Protein backbone atom coordinates (compact mmCIF):
# COMPACT_ATOMS: atom_id res chain seq x y z
CA MET A 1 -183.92 56.73 157.78
CA GLU A 2 -184.25 55.14 161.18
CA ARG A 3 -181.03 54.87 163.85
CA SER A 4 -180.92 51.14 164.04
CA ASP A 5 -180.27 51.46 159.75
CA ILE A 6 -177.64 53.68 160.94
CA TYR A 7 -175.58 51.54 163.53
CA ARG A 8 -176.04 48.24 160.64
CA LYS A 9 -174.46 50.08 157.93
CA VAL A 10 -172.27 51.69 160.25
CA MET A 11 -171.19 48.13 161.71
CA ARG A 12 -171.63 46.36 157.91
CA ILE A 13 -168.49 48.43 156.94
CA LEU A 14 -166.60 47.96 160.31
CA VAL A 15 -167.00 44.85 160.07
CA ILE A 16 -165.78 44.69 155.88
CA PHE A 17 -162.81 47.13 156.16
CA GLY A 18 -161.85 44.37 159.15
CA GLY A 19 -161.89 41.47 157.23
CA VAL A 20 -160.49 43.33 153.96
CA ILE A 21 -157.68 44.37 156.45
CA GLY A 22 -157.00 41.18 157.78
CA PHE A 23 -156.98 38.95 154.78
CA LEU A 24 -154.01 41.49 153.30
CA TYR A 25 -152.51 40.97 156.63
CA ALA A 26 -152.48 37.76 156.38
CA PHE A 27 -151.67 37.07 152.51
CA LEU A 28 -148.58 39.53 153.43
CA ARG A 29 -147.28 37.56 155.75
CA ILE A 30 -147.37 34.61 153.35
CA TYR A 31 -146.44 36.53 150.30
CA ASN A 32 -143.54 37.96 151.70
CA VAL A 33 -142.22 34.19 152.28
CA GLU A 34 -139.25 33.40 149.43
CA ASP A 35 -138.32 30.15 150.50
CA VAL A 36 -141.12 28.05 152.06
CA SER A 37 -138.98 25.51 153.55
CA GLN A 38 -137.06 27.41 155.47
CA TRP A 39 -139.94 29.54 156.99
CA ILE A 40 -141.50 26.07 158.24
CA GLN A 41 -137.28 25.55 159.57
CA TYR A 42 -137.23 28.57 161.20
CA LYS A 43 -140.92 29.10 162.56
CA GLY A 44 -142.52 25.99 162.84
CA ILE A 45 -145.66 23.74 161.04
CA VAL A 46 -147.64 26.41 163.37
CA SER A 47 -146.79 29.34 161.99
CA VAL A 48 -148.27 28.29 158.72
CA ILE A 49 -151.14 26.69 160.03
CA ILE A 50 -152.32 29.71 162.15
CA VAL A 51 -151.61 31.98 158.71
CA ASN A 52 -154.13 29.85 156.78
CA CYS A 53 -156.18 30.05 159.80
CA GLY A 54 -155.74 33.67 159.30
CA LEU A 55 -157.23 33.97 156.14
CA LEU A 56 -160.49 31.73 156.51
CA VAL A 57 -161.04 33.65 159.28
CA ALA A 58 -160.67 37.18 157.31
CA SER A 59 -162.65 35.63 154.21
CA PHE A 60 -165.35 34.06 157.34
CA THR A 61 -165.33 37.63 158.22
CA ILE A 62 -165.95 39.55 154.96
CA VAL A 63 -168.86 37.11 153.98
CA THR A 64 -170.63 37.62 157.63
CA ALA A 65 -170.24 41.45 156.51
CA LEU A 66 -171.79 41.11 153.48
CA LYS A 67 -174.21 38.10 153.61
CA PRO A 68 -176.37 37.22 150.26
CA GLY A 69 -178.67 34.83 151.77
CA ASN A 70 -177.83 35.51 155.42
CA PRO A 71 -175.84 32.18 155.71
CA ILE A 72 -174.96 33.25 159.38
CA PRO A 73 -176.33 35.17 161.80
CA TRP A 74 -175.82 38.57 162.63
CA HIS A 75 -174.85 39.07 166.33
CA TRP A 76 -172.89 40.71 168.78
CA ILE A 77 -171.82 37.09 170.43
CA THR A 78 -170.47 36.17 166.42
CA LEU A 79 -168.19 39.27 165.76
CA ALA A 80 -167.14 39.16 169.35
CA ILE A 81 -165.89 35.76 168.27
CA LEU A 82 -164.19 36.91 164.73
CA THR A 83 -162.51 39.71 167.39
CA ALA A 84 -160.76 37.11 169.30
CA LEU A 85 -159.96 34.86 166.06
CA THR A 86 -158.25 37.63 164.48
CA ALA A 87 -156.51 39.33 167.32
CA ILE A 88 -155.15 35.43 167.58
CA SER A 89 -154.48 34.80 163.67
CA ILE A 90 -154.29 37.78 161.93
CA HIS A 91 -153.25 41.31 163.36
CA PRO A 92 -155.07 44.05 166.78
CA ILE A 93 -155.93 46.05 163.86
CA PRO A 94 -158.27 44.35 162.14
CA ALA A 95 -159.88 43.30 165.37
CA PHE A 96 -159.91 46.23 166.62
CA LEU A 97 -162.48 47.17 164.35
CA ILE A 98 -164.84 44.66 164.22
CA PHE A 99 -164.63 44.69 167.73
CA ILE A 100 -166.06 48.50 168.03
CA ALA A 101 -168.60 46.73 165.33
CA GLY A 102 -169.53 44.04 168.22
CA ILE A 103 -170.06 46.79 170.27
CA LEU A 104 -171.70 48.82 168.30
CA GLU A 105 -174.38 45.90 168.04
CA LEU A 106 -174.56 45.17 171.89
CA ALA A 107 -176.00 49.32 172.46
CA LYS A 108 -177.87 48.85 169.89
CA GLU A 109 -179.81 45.69 171.55
CA LEU A 110 -179.79 47.43 175.28
C-alpha cells in the first residue's frame, strides 16, 4: 500500500468522524430544546439559524468524505473552510478533527 493511500484513508476517517460528531452535537442541541418559543425568546432566532447551519455543515462534511461520484473536490482548502464553518456553527472538537485531516492533505501535497 502506498503512502498516499494511507494518508487518504486516515484523512477520510478523520473527516467522517468529525462530521458525525458535529452532526451529533448539532442534533443534540436541537433535541434538548423543550419549548421552542422559549428557546427563541431567550437565545434569539440567530441561535436557531446557527444550529440549522451546523446540521447542514456537518452533513456537507460527511458527503465530502464519502464522495459518491466525486461531487466536491477533495483538497486542503475545502477542509480548511469546513473546519472554520464547523468551529463557528457547531463545536471546536469536530473542527479539530477536520483540521488535522486538512493538515495531512497539505503535507501530502508538499
